[in-house]
Each structure stands twice: as C-alpha cells, then as structure tokens.
Amino acid sequence: MGDGITVLDSMVFVDNEETGVWGIYYTVFLDDAQKQELKQKKDELVALNLKFVKNSPIFIRQKEAGVNFVFVYNDAVTKKKIMECKYTEKDYK
C-alpha cells in the first residue's frame, strides 16, 4: 500500500493447519481519528484485501494449495493489533 501510513513488515507462511496460513503483517501509523475511520471502513478493507488475494499472481500456488490468508494491521506506537482480515479457500475461489 503506497499510502504513506502503512508499512509491510513481513509475509510469513505458518504450517500449523491442514493447508497452512499465509500471514501478511503491516504496521500502520495512525492518529486516533484515523484509527476510528479505519474501524468504520473495515468492510472496505476486507473487500480490498480479498480482491488482492483473488487477483494477485504472486499467490497462484498458495491458492491452488488452498492456503488460508490473514492480513494483520498493528499500531506503530502501541504495537497492538488494530485489525485482522482472514480468508479461506472458500472466500477466494
């Protein structure tokens, strides 16, 4: 996300489920008003991330294997999770 407030920290595959989980972790630099706006627009972010998973060529093999995806957004100051979006094969197929 080239928005100036979101930084991709890591992408990690965790093989702790039948199909595994591809985790995408972000740090976000938001003030209190922006955090509130993010919570209000959660549905938009959920849809945007799902579209990314569905259309991204970098996830072709993961989707073929039925991997689950999770997007985690952590606050830059408190380091606490602000939001999490999870998708299963049922969501992206």
PDB file of N, CA and C in Angstrom:
ATOM      1  N   MET A   1       0.850  -1.178   0.000  1.00  0.00           N
ATOM      2  CA  MET A   1       0.000   0.000   0.000  1.00  0.00           C
ATOM      3  C   MET A   1       0.888   1.231   0.000  1.00  0.00           C
ATOM      4  N   GLY A   2       0.841   1.996  -1.006  1.00  0.00           N
ATOM      5  CA  GLY A   2       1.662   3.181  -1.100  1.00  0.00           C
ATOM      6  C   GLY A   2       0.964   4.407  -0.549  1.00  0.00           C
ATOM      7  N   ASP A   3       0.404   4.292   0.652  1.00  0.00           N
ATOM      8  CA  ASP A   3      -0.388   5.377   1.206  1.00  0.00           C
ATOM      9  C   ASP A   3       0.371   6.258   2.191  1.00  0.00           C
ATOM     10  N   GLY A   4       1.610   5.942   2.483  1.00  0.00           N
ATOM     11  CA  GLY A   4       2.405   6.753   3.385  1.00  0.00           C
ATOM     12  C   GLY A   4       2.186   6.489   4.858  1.00  0.00           C
ATOM     13  N   ILE A   5       1.200   5.668   5.197  1.00  0.00           N
ATOM     14  CA  ILE A   5       0.942   5.354   6.603  1.00  0.00           C
ATOM     15  C   ILE A   5       1.000   3.856   6.893  1.00  0.00           C
ATOM     16  N   THR A   6       1.139   3.052   5.848  1.00  0.00           N
ATOM     17  CA  THR A   6       1.139   1.601   6.003  1.00  0.00           C
ATOM     18  C   THR A   6       2.479   1.043   5.541  1.00  0.00           C
ATOM     19  N   VAL A   7       3.104   0.241   6.397  1.00  0.00           N
ATOM     20  CA  VAL A   7       4.384  -0.363   6.078  1.00  0.00           C
ATOM     21  C   VAL A   7       4.245  -1.884   6.165  1.00  0.00           C
ATOM     22  N   LEU A   8       4.634  -2.569   5.100  1.00  0.00           N
ATOM     23  CA  LEU A   8       4.637  -4.028   5.117  1.00  0.00           C
ATOM     24  C   LEU A   8       5.811  -4.492   5.968  1.00  0.00           C
ATOM     25  N   ASP A   9       5.503  -5.237   7.016  1.00  0.00           N
ATOM     26  CA  ASP A   9       6.560  -5.749   7.896  1.00  0.00           C
ATOM     27  C   ASP A   9       7.077  -7.093   7.415  1.00  0.00           C
ATOM     28  N   SER A  10       6.160  -8.002   7.119  1.00  0.00           N
ATOM     29  CA  SER A  10       6.594  -9.334   6.724  1.00  0.00           C
ATOM     30  C   SER A  10       5.446 -10.120   6.111  1.00  0.00           C
ATOM     31  N   MET A  11       5.843 -11.158   5.387  1.00  0.00           N
ATOM     32  CA  MET A  11       4.898 -12.167   4.901  1.00  0.00           C
ATOM     33  C   MET A  11       5.480 -13.502   5.351  1.00  0.00           C
ATOM     34  N   VAL A  12       4.664 -14.260   6.064  1.00  0.00           N
ATOM     35  CA  VAL A  12       5.150 -15.474   6.697  1.00  0.00           C
ATOM     36  C   VAL A  12       4.177 -16.613   6.441  1.00  0.00           C
ATOM     37  N   PHE A  13       4.722 -17.784   6.087  1.00  0.00           N
ATOM     38  CA  PHE A  13       3.885 -18.977   5.963  1.00  0.00           C
ATOM     39  C   PHE A  13       4.003 -19.782   7.243  1.00  0.00           C
ATOM     40  N   VAL A  14       2.860 -20.091   7.841  1.00  0.00           N
ATOM     41  CA  VAL A  14       2.816 -20.891   9.063  1.00  0.00           C
ATOM     42  C   VAL A  14       2.098 -22.193   8.738  1.00  0.00           C
ATOM     43  N   ASP A  15       2.804 -23.281   8.912  1.00  0.00           N
ATOM     44  CA  ASP A  15       2.271 -24.601   8.567  1.00  0.00           C
ATOM     45  C   ASP A  15       1.659 -25.256   9.809  1.00  0.00           C
ATOM     46  N   ASN A  16       0.660 -24.581  10.401  1.00  0.00           N
ATOM     47  CA  ASN A  16       0.061 -25.111  11.615  1.00  0.00           C
ATOM     48  C   ASN A  16      -1.378 -25.572  11.423  1.00  0.00           C
ATOM     49  N   GLU A  17      -1.853 -25.555  10.215  1.00  0.00           N
ATOM     50  CA  GLU A  17      -3.188 -26.043   9.898  1.00  0.00           C
ATOM     51  C   GLU A  17      -3.053 -27.017   8.735  1.00  0.00           C
ATOM     52  N   GLU A  18      -4.151 -27.617   8.358  1.00  0.00           N
ATOM     53  CA  GLU A  18      -4.115 -28.588   7.262  1.00  0.00           C
ATOM     54  C   GLU A  18      -3.515 -27.981   5.996  1.00  0.00           C
ATOM     55  N   THR A  19      -3.906 -26.753   5.681  1.00  0.00           N
ATOM     56  CA  THR A  19      -3.415 -26.113   4.461  1.00  0.00           C
ATOM     57  C   THR A  19      -2.386 -25.030   4.736  1.00  0.00           C
ATOM     58  N   GLY A  20      -2.215 -24.640   5.963  1.00  0.00           N
ATOM     59  CA  GLY A  20      -1.289 -23.572   6.310  1.00  0.00           C
ATOM     60  C   GLY A  20      -1.923 -22.202   6.211  1.00  0.00           C
ATOM     61  N   VAL A  21      -1.209 -21.211   6.739  1.00  0.00           N
ATOM     62  CA  VAL A  21      -1.686 -19.828   6.740  1.00  0.00           C
ATOM     63  C   VAL A  21      -0.580 -18.933   6.203  1.00  0.00           C
ATOM     64  N   TRP A  22      -0.928 -18.099   5.241  1.00  0.00           N
ATOM     65  CA  TRP A  22      -0.007 -17.107   4.706  1.00  0.00           C
ATOM     66  C   TRP A  22      -0.340 -15.797   5.415  1.00  0.00           C
ATOM     67  N   GLY A  23       0.532 -15.357   6.311  1.00  0.00           N
ATOM     68  CA  GLY A  23       0.296 -14.143   7.077  1.00  0.00           C
ATOM     69  C   GLY A  23       1.007 -12.957   6.471  1.00  0.00           C
ATOM     70  N   ILE A  24       0.281 -11.859   6.363  1.00  0.00           N
ATOM     71  CA  ILE A  24       0.819 -10.622   5.823  1.00  0.00           C
ATOM     72  C   ILE A  24       0.653  -9.573   6.923  1.00  0.00           C
ATOM     73  N   TYR A  25       1.776  -9.074   7.419  1.00  0.00           N
ATOM     74  CA  TYR A  25       1.782  -8.206   8.595  1.00  0.00           C
ATOM     75  C   TYR A  25       2.187  -6.787   8.238  1.00  0.00           C
ATOM     76  N   TYR A  26       1.370  -5.836   8.681  1.00  0.00           N
ATOM     77  CA  TYR A  26       1.613  -4.416   8.428  1.00  0.00           C
ATOM     78  C   TYR A  26       1.726  -3.655   9.737  1.00  0.00           C
ATOM     79  N   THR A  27       2.499  -2.587   9.712  1.00  0.00           N
ATOM     80  CA  THR A  27       2.483  -1.582  10.762  1.00  0.00           C
ATOM     81  C   THR A  27       1.830  -0.352  10.167  1.00  0.00           C
ATOM     82  N   VAL A  28       0.904   0.238  10.923  1.00  0.00           N
ATOM     83  CA  VAL A  28       0.223   1.441  10.444  1.00  0.00           C
ATOM     84  C   VAL A  28       0.486   2.599  11.392  1.00  0.00           C
ATOM     85  N   PHE A  29       0.706   3.758  10.809  1.00  0.00           N
ATOM     86  CA  PHE A  29       0.981   4.987  11.544  1.00  0.00           C
ATOM     87  C   PHE A  29      -0.281   5.843  11.478  1.00  0.00           C
ATOM     88  N   LEU A  30      -1.129   5.727  12.516  1.00  0.00           N
ATOM     89  CA  LEU A  30      -2.424   6.397  12.522  1.00  0.00           C
ATOM     90  C   LEU A  30      -2.623   7.174  13.811  1.00  0.00           C
ATOM     91  N   ASP A  31      -3.254   8.333  13.685  1.00  0.00           N
ATOM     92  CA  ASP A  31      -3.672   9.040  14.894  1.00  0.00           C
ATOM     93  C   ASP A  31      -5.036   8.474  15.312  1.00  0.00           C
ATOM     94  N   ASP A  32      -5.580   8.958  16.411  1.00  0.00           N
ATOM     95  CA  ASP A  32      -6.827   8.397  16.933  1.00  0.00           C
ATOM     96  C   ASP A  32      -7.987   8.535  15.945  1.00  0.00           C
ATOM     97  N   ALA A  33      -8.069   9.662  15.265  1.00  0.00           N
ATOM     98  CA  ALA A  33      -9.144   9.873  14.291  1.00  0.00           C
ATOM     99  C   ALA A  33      -9.017   8.900  13.121  1.00  0.00           C
ATOM    100  N   GLN A  34      -7.804   8.663  12.673  1.00  0.00           N
ATOM    101  CA  GLN A  34      -7.585   7.721  11.570  1.00  0.00           C
ATOM    102  C   GLN A  34      -7.900   6.288  11.993  1.00  0.00           C
ATOM    103  N   LYS A  35      -7.587   5.936  13.234  1.00  0.00           N
ATOM    104  CA  LYS A  35      -7.931   4.598  13.736  1.00  0.00           C
ATOM    105  C   LYS A  35      -9.437   4.399  13.731  1.00  0.00           C
ATOM    106  N   GLN A  36     -10.163   5.411  14.149  1.00  0.00           N
ATOM    107  CA  GLN A  36     -11.621   5.336  14.154  1.00  0.00           C
ATOM    108  C   GLN A  36     -12.155   5.197  12.732  1.00  0.00           C
ATOM    109  N   GLU A  37     -11.589   5.955  11.815  1.00  0.00           N
ATOM    110  CA  GLU A  37     -12.010   5.878  10.411  1.00  0.00           C
ATOM    111  C   GLU A  37     -11.723   4.485   9.839  1.00  0.00           C
ATOM    112  N   LEU A  38     -10.574   3.925  10.186  1.00  0.00           N
ATOM    113  CA  LEU A  38     -10.234   2.577   9.730  1.00  0.00           C
ATOM    114  C   LEU A  38     -11.268   1.566  10.216  1.00  0.00           C
ATOM    115  N   LYS A  39     -11.666   1.673  11.464  1.00  0.00           N
ATOM    116  CA  LYS A  39     -12.670   0.760  12.012  1.00  0.00           C
ATOM    117  C   LYS A  39     -14.003   0.921  11.292  1.00  0.00           C
ATOM    118  N   GLN A  40     -14.352   2.158  10.943  1.00  0.00           N
ATOM    119  CA  GLN A  40     -15.598   2.415  10.226  1.00  0.00           C
ATOM    120  C   GLN A  40     -15.561   1.860   8.806  1.00  0.00           C
ATOM    121  N   LYS A  41     -14.373   1.816   8.217  1.00  0.00           N
ATOM    122  CA  LYS A  41     -14.221   1.357   6.842  1.00  0.00           C
ATOM    123  C   LYS A  41     -13.672  -0.062   6.762  1.00  0.00           C
ATOM    124  N   LYS A  42     -13.831  -0.821   7.834  1.00  0.00           N
ATOM    125  CA  LYS A  42     -13.298  -2.184   7.883  1.00  0.00           C
ATOM    126  C   LYS A  42     -13.807  -3.024   6.717  1.00  0.00           C
ATOM    127  N   ASP A  43     -15.089  -2.932   6.414  1.00  0.00           N
ATOM    128  CA  ASP A  43     -15.651  -3.731   5.323  1.00  0.00           C
ATOM    129  C   ASP A  43     -14.963  -3.436   3.991  1.00  0.00           C
ATOM    130  N   GLU A  44     -14.610  -2.179   3.765  1.00  0.00           N
ATOM    131  CA  GLU A  44     -13.915  -1.808   2.539  1.00  0.00           C
ATOM    132  C   GLU A  44     -12.519  -2.441   2.493  1.00  0.00           C
ATOM    133  N   LEU A  45     -11.839  -2.422   3.617  1.00  0.00           N
ATOM    134  CA  LEU A  45     -10.505  -3.015   3.682  1.00  0.00           C
ATOM    135  C   LEU A  45     -10.572  -4.528   3.512  1.00  0.00           C
ATOM    136  N   VAL A  46     -11.573  -5.157   4.109  1.00  0.00           N
ATOM    137  CA  VAL A  46     -11.763  -6.604   3.956  1.00  0.00           C
ATOM    138  C   VAL A  46     -11.958  -6.935   2.477  1.00  0.00           C
ATOM    139  N   ALA A  47     -12.803  -6.171   1.794  1.00  0.00           N
ATOM    140  CA  ALA A  47     -13.060  -6.400   0.370  1.00  0.00           C
ATOM    141  C   ALA A  47     -11.813  -6.129  -0.471  1.00  0.00           C
ATOM    142  N   LEU A  48     -11.065  -5.086  -0.141  1.00  0.00           N
ATOM    143  CA  LEU A  48      -9.848  -4.741  -0.885  1.00  0.00           C
ATOM    144  C   LEU A  48      -8.796  -5.841  -0.754  1.00  0.00           C
ATOM    145  N   ASN A  49      -8.598  -6.351   0.459  1.00  0.00           N
ATOM    146  CA  ASN A  49      -7.626  -7.427   0.663  1.00  0.00           C
ATOM    147  C   ASN A  49      -8.051  -8.703  -0.056  1.00  0.00           C
ATOM    148  N   LEU A  50      -9.339  -9.017  -0.022  1.00  0.00           N
ATOM    149  CA  LEU A  50      -9.826 -10.207  -0.718  1.00  0.00           C
ATOM    150  C   LEU A  50      -9.601 -10.074  -2.220  1.00  0.00           C
ATOM    151  N   LYS A  51      -9.867  -8.906  -2.769  1.00  0.00           N
ATOM    152  CA  LYS A  51      -9.618  -8.667  -4.188  1.00  0.00           C
ATOM    153  C   LYS A  51      -8.136  -8.862  -4.513  1.00  0.00           C
ATOM    154  N   PHE A  52      -7.269  -8.399  -3.622  1.00  0.00           N
ATOM    155  CA  PHE A  52      -5.831  -8.565  -3.795  1.00  0.00           C
ATOM    156  C   PHE A  52      -5.462 -10.045  -3.836  1.00  0.00           C
ATOM    157  N   VAL A  53      -5.999 -10.820  -2.918  1.00  0.00           N
ATOM    158  CA  VAL A  53      -5.718 -12.262  -2.888  1.00  0.00           C
ATOM    159  C   VAL A  53      -6.233 -12.929  -4.162  1.00  0.00           C
ATOM    160  N   LYS A  54      -7.448 -12.612  -4.560  1.00  0.00           N
ATOM    161  CA  LYS A  54      -8.049 -13.228  -5.743  1.00  0.00           C
ATOM    162  C   LYS A  54      -7.279 -12.918  -7.022  1.00  0.00           C
ATOM    163  N   ASN A  55      -6.804 -11.687  -7.151  1.00  0.00           N
ATOM    164  CA  ASN A  55      -6.240 -11.227  -8.421  1.00  0.00           C
ATOM    165  C   ASN A  55      -4.720 -11.215  -8.492  1.00  0.00           C
ATOM    166  N   SER A  56      -4.051 -11.449  -7.387  1.00  0.00           N
ATOM    167  CA  SER A  56      -2.602 -11.339  -7.372  1.00  0.00           C
ATOM    168  C   SER A  56      -1.923 -12.595  -7.929  1.00  0.00           C
ATOM    169  N   PRO A  57      -1.084 -12.426  -8.936  1.00  0.00           N
ATOM    170  CA  PRO A  57      -0.389 -13.590  -9.491  1.00  0.00           C
ATOM    171  C   PRO A  57       0.650 -14.182  -8.540  1.00  0.00           C
ATOM    172  N   ILE A  58       1.070 -13.434  -7.527  1.00  0.00           N
ATOM    173  CA  ILE A  58       2.079 -13.980  -6.607  1.00  0.00           C
ATOM    174  C   ILE A  58       1.511 -15.066  -5.692  1.00  0.00           C
ATOM    175  N   PHE A  59       0.192 -15.173  -5.614  1.00  0.00           N
ATOM    176  CA  PHE A  59      -0.428 -16.161  -4.734  1.00  0.00           C
ATOM    177  C   PHE A  59      -1.012 -17.359  -5.478  1.00  0.00           C
ATOM    178  N   ILE A  60      -0.668 -17.552  -6.729  1.00  0.00           N
ATOM    179  CA  ILE A  60      -1.262 -18.634  -7.522  1.00  0.00           C
ATOM    180  C   ILE A  60      -1.037 -19.990  -6.864  1.00  0.00           C
ATOM    181  N   ARG A  61       0.185 -20.317  -6.507  1.00  0.00           N
ATOM    182  CA  ARG A  61       0.479 -21.633  -5.914  1.00  0.00           C
ATOM    183  C   ARG A  61      -0.185 -21.794  -4.553  1.00  0.00           C
ATOM    184  N   GLN A  62      -0.200 -20.735  -3.766  1.00  0.00           N
ATOM    185  CA  GLN A  62      -0.834 -20.806  -2.459  1.00  0.00           C
ATOM    186  C   GLN A  62      -2.336 -21.069  -2.592  1.00  0.00           C
ATOM    187  N   LYS A  63      -2.960 -20.390  -3.549  1.00  0.00           N
ATOM    188  CA  LYS A  63      -4.397 -20.588  -3.749  1.00  0.00           C
ATOM    189  C   LYS A  63      -4.680 -21.988  -4.272  1.00  0.00           C
ATOM    190  N   GLU A  64      -3.830 -22.499  -5.160  1.00  0.00           N
ATOM    191  CA  GLU A  64      -4.009 -23.869  -5.660  1.00  0.00           C
ATOM    192  C   GLU A  64      -3.931 -24.885  -4.521  1.00  0.00           C
ATOM    193  N   ALA A  65      -3.114 -24.585  -3.516  1.00  0.00           N
ATOM    194  CA  ALA A  65      -2.956 -25.479  -2.361  1.00  0.00           C
ATOM    195  C   ALA A  65      -4.035 -25.254  -1.302  1.00  0.00           C
ATOM    196  N   GLY A  66      -4.876 -24.249  -1.489  1.00  0.00           N
ATOM    197  CA  GLY A  66      -5.948 -23.987  -0.540  1.00  0.00           C
ATOM    198  C   GLY A  66      -5.500 -23.296   0.732  1.00  0.00           C
ATOM    199  N   VAL A  67      -4.393 -22.577   0.661  1.00  0.00           N
ATOM    200  CA  VAL A  67      -3.837 -21.892   1.828  1.00  0.00           C
ATOM    201  C   VAL A  67      -4.810 -20.826   2.326  1.00  0.00           C
ATOM    202  N   ASN A  68      -4.860 -20.647   3.638  1.00  0.00           N
ATOM    203  CA  ASN A  68      -5.615 -19.553   4.241  1.00  0.00           C
ATOM    204  C   ASN A  68      -4.722 -18.318   4.287  1.00  0.00           C
ATOM    205  N   PHE A  69      -5.337 -17.145   4.209  1.00  0.00           N
ATOM    206  CA  PHE A  69      -4.607 -15.881   4.248  1.00  0.00           C
ATOM    207  C   PHE A  69      -5.089 -15.057   5.431  1.00  0.00           C
ATOM    208  N   VAL A  70      -4.163 -14.346   6.052  1.00  0.00           N
ATOM    209  CA  VAL A  70      -4.519 -13.420   7.117  1.00  0.00           C
ATOM    210  C   VAL A  70      -3.703 -12.146   6.951  1.00  0.00           C
ATOM    211  N   PHE A  71      -4.385 -11.014   7.013  1.00  0.00           N
ATOM    212  CA  PHE A  71      -3.754  -9.698   6.967  1.00  0.00           C
ATOM    213  C   PHE A  71      -3.879  -9.108   8.364  1.00  0.00           C
ATOM    214  N   VAL A  72      -2.753  -8.739   8.960  1.00  0.00           N
ATOM    215  CA  VAL A  72      -2.743  -8.212  10.325  1.00  0.00           C
ATOM    216  C   VAL A  72      -2.179  -6.796  10.294  1.00  0.00           C
ATOM    217  N   TYR A  73      -2.902  -5.873  10.922  1.00  0.00           N
ATOM    218  CA  TYR A  73      -2.501  -4.473  10.985  1.00  0.00           C
ATOM    219  C   TYR A  73      -2.210  -4.121  12.442  1.00  0.00           C
ATOM    220  N   ASN A  74      -0.954  -3.744  12.709  1.00  0.00           N
ATOM    221  CA  ASN A  74      -0.519  -3.390  14.051  1.00  0.00           C
ATOM    222  C   ASN A  74      -0.225  -1.902  14.148  1.00  0.00           C
ATOM    223  N   ASP A  75      -0.565  -1.327  15.294  1.00  0.00           N
ATOM    224  CA  ASP A  75      -0.313   0.085  15.552  1.00  0.00           C
ATOM    225  C   ASP A  75       1.181   0.328  15.716  1.00  0.00           C
ATOM    226  N   ALA A  76       1.692   1.354  15.065  1.00  0.00           N
ATOM    227  CA  ALA A  76       3.121   1.660  15.113  1.00  0.00           C
ATOM    228  C   ALA A  76       3.586   2.081  16.509  1.00  0.00           C
ATOM    229  N   VAL A  77       2.728   2.738  17.253  1.00  0.00           N
ATOM    230  CA  VAL A  77       3.112   3.238  18.570  1.00  0.00           C
ATOM    231  C   VAL A  77       2.935   2.177  19.649  1.00  0.00           C
ATOM    232  N   THR A  78       1.736   1.589  19.729  1.00  0.00           N
ATOM    233  CA  THR A  78       1.445   0.643  20.813  1.00  0.00           C
ATOM    234  C   THR A  78       1.863  -0.781  20.488  1.00  0.00           C
ATOM    235  N   LYS A  79       2.101  -1.059  19.205  1.00  0.00           N
ATOM    236  CA  LYS A  79       2.442  -2.408  18.719  1.00  0.00           C
ATOM    237  C   LYS A  79       1.285  -3.386  18.856  1.00  0.00           C
ATOM    238  N   LYS A  80       0.100  -2.903  19.202  1.00  0.00           N
ATOM    239  CA  LYS A  80      -1.071  -3.763  19.359  1.00  0.00           C
ATOM    240  C   LYS A  80      -1.801  -3.922  18.027  1.00  0.00           C
ATOM    241  N   LYS A  81      -2.467  -5.061  17.894  1.00  0.00           N
ATOM    242  CA  LYS A  81      -3.236  -5.335  16.689  1.00  0.00           C
ATOM    243  C   LYS A  81      -4.440  -4.396  16.621  1.00  0.00           C
ATOM    244  N   ILE A  82      -4.579  -3.745  15.475  1.00  0.00           N
ATOM    245  CA  ILE A  82      -5.722  -2.868  15.239  1.00  0.00           C
ATOM    246  C   ILE A  82      -6.818  -3.631  14.509  1.00  0.00           C
ATOM    247  N   MET A  83      -6.404  -4.447  13.539  1.00  0.00           N
ATOM    248  CA  MET A  83      -7.375  -5.149  12.708  1.00  0.00           C
ATOM    249  C   MET A  83      -6.749  -6.405  12.124  1.00  0.00           C
ATOM    250  N   GLU A  84      -7.609  -7.379  11.840  1.00  0.00           N
ATOM    251  CA  GLU A  84      -7.175  -8.619  11.215  1.00  0.00           C
ATOM    252  C   GLU A  84      -8.237  -9.036  10.210  1.00  0.00           C
ATOM    253  N   CYS A  85      -7.815  -9.432   9.031  1.00  0.00           N
ATOM    254  CA  CYS A  85      -8.717  -9.912   7.982  1.00  0.00           C
ATOM    255  C   CYS A  85      -8.281 -11.319   7.605  1.00  0.00           C
ATOM    256  N   LYS A  86      -9.200 -12.290   7.697  1.00  0.00           N
ATOM    257  CA  LYS A  86      -8.878 -13.680   7.391  1.00  0.00           C
ATOM    258  C   LYS A  86      -9.690 -14.155   6.189  1.00  0.00           C
ATOM    259  N   TYR A  87      -9.026 -14.974   5.350  1.00  0.00           N
ATOM    260  CA  TYR A  87      -9.680 -15.508   4.158  1.00  0.00           C
ATOM    261  C   TYR A  87      -9.327 -16.982   3.997  1.00  0.00           C
ATOM    262  N   THR A  88     -10.335 -17.777   3.698  1.00  0.00           N
ATOM    263  CA  THR A  88     -10.119 -19.194   3.432  1.00  0.00           C
ATOM    264  C   THR A  88     -10.300 -19.446   1.942  1.00  0.00           C
ATOM    265  N   GLU A  89     -10.040 -20.660   1.537  1.00  0.00           N
ATOM    266  CA  GLU A  89     -10.215 -21.043   0.130  1.00  0.00           C
ATOM    267  C   GLU A  89     -11.642 -20.759  -0.326  1.00  0.00           C
ATOM    268  N   LYS A  90     -12.587 -20.959   0.533  1.00  0.00           N
ATOM    269  CA  LYS A  90     -13.995 -20.697   0.208  1.00  0.00           C
ATOM    270  C   LYS A  90     -14.216 -19.214  -0.149  1.00  0.00           C
ATOM    271  N   ASP A  91     -13.471 -18.328   0.507  1.00  0.00           N
ATOM    272  CA  ASP A  91     -13.606 -16.893   0.241  1.00  0.00           C
ATOM    273  C   ASP A  91     -13.049 -16.483  -1.112  1.00  0.00           C
ATOM    274  N   TYR A  92     -11.882 -17.018  -1.481  1.00  0.00           N
ATOM    275  CA  TYR A  92     -11.206 -16.523  -2.679  1.00  0.00           C
ATOM    276  C   TYR A  92     -11.439 -17.350  -3.936  1.00  0.00           C
ATOM    277  N   LYS A  93     -12.102 -18.477  -3.841  1.00  0.00           N
ATOM    278  CA  LYS A  93     -12.390 -19.286  -5.037  1.00  0.00           C
ATOM    279  C   LYS A  93     -13.680 -18.845  -5.689  1.00  0.00           C
TER     280      LYS A  93
END
